[in-house]
Each structure stands twice: as structure tokens, then as C-alpha cells.
Amino acid sequence: FQHGSYGMAQNLESNDVGIIILGDFESIREGDKVKRTGKIMEVPVGEALIGRVVNPLGQPIDGLGEIVTDKARPVEAMAPGVMQRKSVNEPMQTGLKAIDALVPIGRGQRELVIGDRKTGKTSIAIDTIINQKGQDMICIYVAIGQKDSTVRTQVETLKKYGAMDYTIVVNAGASQPAPLLYIAPYAGTAMGEEFMYNGKHVLIIFDDLSKQAVAYREL
């Protein structure tokens, strides 16, 4: 858009294009010029993001300066087929004895953590990240629809235990537009896939996907 905002084409019709606005939309007016970028949406990836807090567009929001990287990956990419995937044969230790003993998680596996409000779901996630220290694991924590103050507290906890040395935090706050909440899990996955395709192990935590579902319904 002519005022610097970006959007992602969602619907392509014969006479119009439906676009979801990513970021500031209050400055957009009827009659504004819109140009296509000629490429699908992508986010910056790579080692430079480790230890940083970014928004779903990969832009730093921690006040530590710009992120310098020449790598980027598309937000929406085709997932590897079943035949391309190895079977789960290596454990992913959470460091929580009850989980590791009763509901063991393997590297390459997805696991749903469900429970009522204030039952410790986020605590399990943060503790698991902290317990990956020295395990050759890159962690990506995607906070969706949380208060900025809550995310700030979690980042401070990760710093306290040295976990930010191997962690990327993607924050799509409750005050941000629905499109950013919608793309947050995809952005976090794209960042993780860069490490995966370079032979590294990655743990991605989405906290939580119910907020992303609400944002999707808004769109």
C-alpha cells in the first residue's frame, strides 16, 4: 500500500482481490494505490533470529536493533509427504518426569496440551524450553493472543535460565490485528523449517492455537 503497509492476497476473483492487511490499516483510504510485490509472503530466517523477540513478520520488537539475515522462507510451504518423513525413533525429553514417563514425546512428533484456564499449560511449555539446555535443540515459542506484559514475563524467565541462547520468541499480541495472529503459527514454522532442513532439531510451541482459530474466523 502507498503508506507502507503490507497485505497478503487471500481471495482472487475475476474483478477484485481480497487482501488481509498485515499491521497498520488505519492509514489506508479508499483510492490508495496498491502494488504487488511479485512474490508470496515470506519471513526472515536463520541463526540471527536466535535470542530475539519478533512479530509474525519477523520484525524485531525487543529493542535490540535490526536483525541482519539474507535468508527468508515462505510462510505457506508444502509440508513433506509421509514417505519423506522418518519414523519417530528418538525421544524429546521435556524434563518433566510425569510426562516423560507416562506420555513420552518423540522428536518429529506433535503433541496437544489441553486443560482448563490457569492449569499450568504455559508453565509446561516454558519449563520444557528451559530443560532443552545442552540438548542441541533450537526452540521457537509462538505466543498468540497473549498480553504483551505476559510475554515479557516469560521472556525474562527464559533469560534468567539462559534459555534465550537457543530460543526465538514470536509474539502476536492480543492488541495486534487478527491477520497477524492468523499467520503467527505459519511464521514460527517457517523459521523452524530453516533449521530442520539444515539438520538441526527444533521444538516449536504454539501458545495457544485456540486464539489463532478465533482470528481465522474473524477473517
Protein backbone atom coordinates (compact mmCIF):
# COMPACT_ATOMS: atom_id res chain seq x y z
CA PHE A 1 0.00 0.00 0.00
CA GLN A 2 1.22 3.52 -0.68
CA HIS A 3 1.55 4.30 3.04
CA GLY A 4 3.92 1.38 3.63
CA SER A 5 1.52 -1.26 4.93
CA TYR A 6 1.64 -4.78 3.54
CA GLY A 7 -1.07 -7.32 2.89
CA MET A 8 -1.46 -10.91 1.75
CA ALA A 9 -3.75 -11.83 -1.14
CA GLN A 10 -6.35 -14.24 0.19
CA ASN A 11 -9.06 -14.34 -2.50
CA LEU A 12 -8.53 -13.91 -6.24
CA GLU A 13 -11.68 -13.09 -8.20
CA SER A 14 -12.09 -12.02 -11.83
CA ASN A 15 -12.63 -8.36 -10.93
CA ASP A 16 -11.22 -7.97 -7.43
CA VAL A 17 -8.63 -9.27 -4.99
CA GLY A 18 -9.35 -9.94 -1.31
CA ILE A 19 -6.40 -8.92 0.87
CA ILE A 20 -5.78 -9.33 4.58
CA ILE A 21 -3.89 -6.37 6.00
CA LEU A 22 -0.76 -7.18 7.98
CA GLY A 23 -0.13 -4.46 10.52
CA ASP A 24 -1.39 -0.88 10.48
CA PHE A 25 -4.59 -0.43 8.50
CA GLU A 26 -5.87 2.86 9.93
CA SER A 27 -3.93 4.95 7.39
CA ILE A 28 -5.41 3.10 4.41
CA ARG A 29 -8.00 5.12 2.48
CA GLU A 30 -10.29 4.46 -0.45
CA GLY A 31 -8.47 5.23 -3.68
CA ASP A 32 -4.99 4.45 -2.33
CA LYS A 33 -2.59 2.81 -4.77
CA VAL A 34 -1.70 -0.82 -4.14
CA LYS A 35 1.20 -2.60 -5.84
CA ARG A 36 2.01 -6.28 -5.90
CA THR A 37 5.44 -7.37 -4.67
CA GLY A 38 5.65 -10.22 -7.16
CA LYS A 39 6.33 -12.85 -4.51
CA ILE A 40 4.45 -14.83 -1.92
CA MET A 41 4.69 -13.83 1.73
CA GLU A 42 7.91 -14.84 3.47
CA VAL A 43 9.67 -14.22 6.76
CA PRO A 44 13.38 -13.84 7.60
CA VAL A 45 15.01 -16.98 8.97
CA GLY A 46 18.39 -18.13 10.22
CA GLU A 47 20.75 -18.02 13.18
CA ALA A 48 20.38 -14.24 13.52
CA LEU A 49 16.88 -14.67 14.99
CA ILE A 50 18.04 -16.80 17.93
CA GLY A 51 17.75 -14.90 21.19
CA ARG A 52 15.37 -12.34 19.71
CA VAL A 53 11.70 -11.44 20.13
CA VAL A 54 9.99 -10.79 16.80
CA ASN A 55 6.49 -10.23 15.45
CA PRO A 56 4.91 -12.65 12.94
CA LEU A 57 6.53 -10.70 10.09
CA GLY A 58 9.98 -11.42 11.54
CA GLN A 59 10.50 -7.80 12.58
CA PRO A 60 12.29 -7.29 15.93
CA ILE A 61 10.18 -5.93 18.79
CA ASP A 62 12.70 -6.32 21.62
CA GLY A 63 14.55 -3.03 21.11
CA LEU A 64 17.85 -4.77 20.36
CA GLY A 65 18.28 -3.42 16.85
CA GLU A 66 17.74 -4.82 13.40
CA ILE A 67 18.10 -8.49 12.55
CA VAL A 68 20.67 -8.96 9.80
CA THR A 69 19.99 -12.03 7.68
CA ASP A 70 19.80 -12.64 3.95
CA LYS A 71 17.66 -15.76 4.26
CA ALA A 72 13.88 -15.95 4.02
CA ARG A 73 11.30 -18.72 3.73
CA PRO A 74 7.68 -18.61 2.51
CA VAL A 75 5.07 -18.57 5.25
CA GLU A 76 2.94 -21.13 3.43
CA ALA A 77 5.01 -24.04 2.13
CA MET A 78 4.19 -27.60 1.16
CA ALA A 79 4.79 -30.00 4.06
CA PRO A 80 6.97 -33.07 3.41
CA GLY A 81 4.97 -36.14 2.43
CA VAL A 82 4.58 -39.18 4.66
CA MET A 83 7.11 -41.19 2.66
CA GLN A 84 9.74 -38.47 3.10
CA ARG A 85 9.48 -38.50 6.87
CA LYS A 86 11.49 -40.76 9.14
CA SER A 87 9.63 -42.71 11.79
CA VAL A 88 9.78 -41.26 15.29
CA ASN A 89 12.68 -43.09 16.92
CA GLU A 90 14.33 -40.58 19.25
CA PRO A 91 12.84 -39.20 22.48
CA MET A 92 12.36 -35.50 23.15
CA GLN A 93 12.86 -35.13 26.89
CA THR A 94 10.70 -32.42 28.44
CA GLY A 95 12.47 -32.68 31.79
CA LEU A 96 9.09 -33.25 33.46
CA LYS A 97 9.17 -36.79 34.86
CA ALA A 98 5.41 -37.36 34.77
CA ILE A 99 5.24 -36.51 31.06
CA ASP A 100 8.45 -38.30 30.05
CA ALA A 101 7.36 -41.46 31.89
CA LEU A 102 3.64 -41.59 31.09
CA VAL A 103 3.27 -39.65 27.82
CA PRO A 104 6.72 -39.71 26.18
CA ILE A 105 7.21 -37.37 23.23
CA GLY A 106 9.43 -38.20 20.28
CA ARG A 107 11.42 -35.87 18.04
CA GLY A 108 9.28 -35.33 14.96
CA GLN A 109 6.02 -35.76 16.85
CA ARG A 110 3.18 -33.35 17.55
CA GLU A 111 1.56 -33.24 20.98
CA LEU A 112 -1.58 -31.42 22.10
CA VAL A 113 -1.62 -29.93 25.60
CA ILE A 114 -5.18 -29.29 26.72
CA GLY A 115 -6.66 -28.13 30.00
CA ASP A 116 -8.82 -25.53 31.68
CA ARG A 117 -7.67 -21.97 32.25
CA LYS A 118 -4.89 -21.46 34.79
CA THR A 119 -3.99 -25.15 34.97
CA GLY A 120 -0.32 -24.71 34.01
CA LYS A 121 -0.25 -25.34 30.26
CA THR A 122 2.09 -22.40 29.61
CA SER A 123 4.27 -23.44 32.56
CA ILE A 124 4.75 -26.85 30.95
CA ALA A 125 5.79 -25.15 27.71
CA ILE A 126 8.26 -22.76 29.34
CA ASP A 127 9.74 -25.48 31.57
CA THR A 128 10.21 -27.72 28.53
CA ILE A 129 12.13 -24.98 26.71
CA ILE A 130 14.33 -24.36 29.75
CA ASN A 131 15.05 -28.09 30.04
CA GLN A 132 16.37 -28.23 26.45
CA LYS A 133 19.59 -26.52 27.53
CA GLY A 134 22.53 -28.58 26.31
CA GLN A 135 20.28 -30.88 24.25
CA ASP A 136 21.23 -29.45 20.81
CA MET A 137 17.68 -28.19 20.32
CA ILE A 138 16.51 -24.90 18.81
CA CYS A 139 13.29 -23.73 20.49
CA ILE A 140 10.65 -21.44 19.00
CA TYR A 141 7.95 -20.09 21.30
CA VAL A 142 4.98 -18.63 19.40
CA ALA A 143 2.79 -16.54 21.71
CA ILE A 144 -0.64 -15.97 20.15
CA GLY A 145 -3.17 -13.53 21.58
CA GLN A 146 -1.40 -13.00 24.90
CA LYS A 147 -0.87 -9.74 26.73
CA ASP A 148 2.48 -8.11 26.00
CA SER A 149 3.18 -7.98 29.74
CA THR A 150 2.67 -11.74 29.99
CA VAL A 151 5.05 -12.42 27.12
CA ARG A 152 7.59 -10.03 28.64
CA THR A 153 7.48 -12.03 31.89
CA GLN A 154 8.01 -15.29 30.01
CA VAL A 155 10.96 -13.84 28.08
CA GLU A 156 12.53 -12.68 31.35
CA THR A 157 12.11 -16.20 32.74
CA LEU A 158 13.82 -17.68 29.69
CA LYS A 159 16.67 -15.16 30.03
CA LYS A 160 17.05 -15.96 33.72
CA TYR A 161 17.75 -19.61 32.94
CA GLY A 162 19.84 -18.93 29.84
CA ALA A 163 17.22 -20.38 27.51
CA MET A 164 17.17 -17.39 25.15
CA ASP A 165 20.58 -18.56 23.91
CA TYR A 166 18.76 -21.16 21.80
CA THR A 167 15.23 -19.73 21.60
CA ILE A 168 13.26 -17.49 19.23
CA VAL A 169 10.10 -15.83 20.56
CA VAL A 170 7.39 -14.89 18.06
CA ASN A 171 4.83 -12.61 19.66
CA ALA A 172 1.43 -11.95 18.09
CA GLY A 173 -0.09 -9.94 20.94
CA ALA A 174 -3.75 -9.62 21.85
CA SER A 175 -3.69 -5.97 20.73
CA GLN A 176 -2.49 -6.83 17.21
CA PRO A 177 -4.78 -7.26 14.18
CA ALA A 178 -6.34 -10.67 13.54
CA PRO A 179 -4.28 -11.32 10.36
CA LEU A 180 -1.04 -11.24 12.38
CA LEU A 181 -2.47 -13.73 14.89
CA TYR A 182 -3.56 -15.90 11.98
CA ILE A 183 -0.12 -16.09 10.33
CA ALA A 184 1.88 -16.40 13.58
CA PRO A 185 1.99 -20.25 13.65
CA TYR A 186 2.96 -20.35 9.98
CA ALA A 187 5.74 -17.81 10.55
CA GLY A 188 7.10 -19.78 13.52
CA THR A 189 7.01 -22.99 11.48
CA ALA A 190 8.87 -21.35 8.59
CA MET A 191 11.60 -20.22 10.98
CA GLY A 192 11.86 -23.73 12.38
CA GLU A 193 11.95 -25.39 8.97
CA GLU A 194 15.11 -23.46 8.09
CA PHE A 195 16.93 -25.17 10.98
CA MET A 196 15.26 -28.52 10.25
CA TYR A 197 16.44 -28.58 6.63
CA ASN A 198 19.95 -27.81 7.90
CA GLY A 199 19.97 -30.95 10.03
CA LYS A 200 19.08 -29.44 13.41
CA HIS A 201 16.41 -30.43 15.91
CA VAL A 202 13.65 -27.90 16.55
CA LEU A 203 10.95 -27.61 19.21
CA ILE A 204 8.06 -25.29 18.30
CA ILE A 205 5.45 -24.36 20.89
CA PHE A 206 2.20 -22.62 19.92
CA ASP A 207 0.58 -20.91 22.91
CA ASP A 208 -2.15 -21.11 22.05
CA LEU A 209 -3.81 -22.23 18.83
CA SER A 210 -7.35 -21.53 20.04
CA LYS A 211 -6.58 -17.80 19.73
CA GLN A 212 -5.40 -18.39 16.17
CA ALA A 213 -8.66 -20.18 15.39
CA VAL A 214 -10.62 -17.17 16.66
CA ALA A 215 -8.53 -14.87 14.45
CA TYR A 216 -9.14 -17.12 11.45
CA ARG A 217 -12.89 -16.97 11.98
CA GLU A 218 -12.66 -13.17 12.09
CA LEU A 219 -11.05 -13.22 8.66
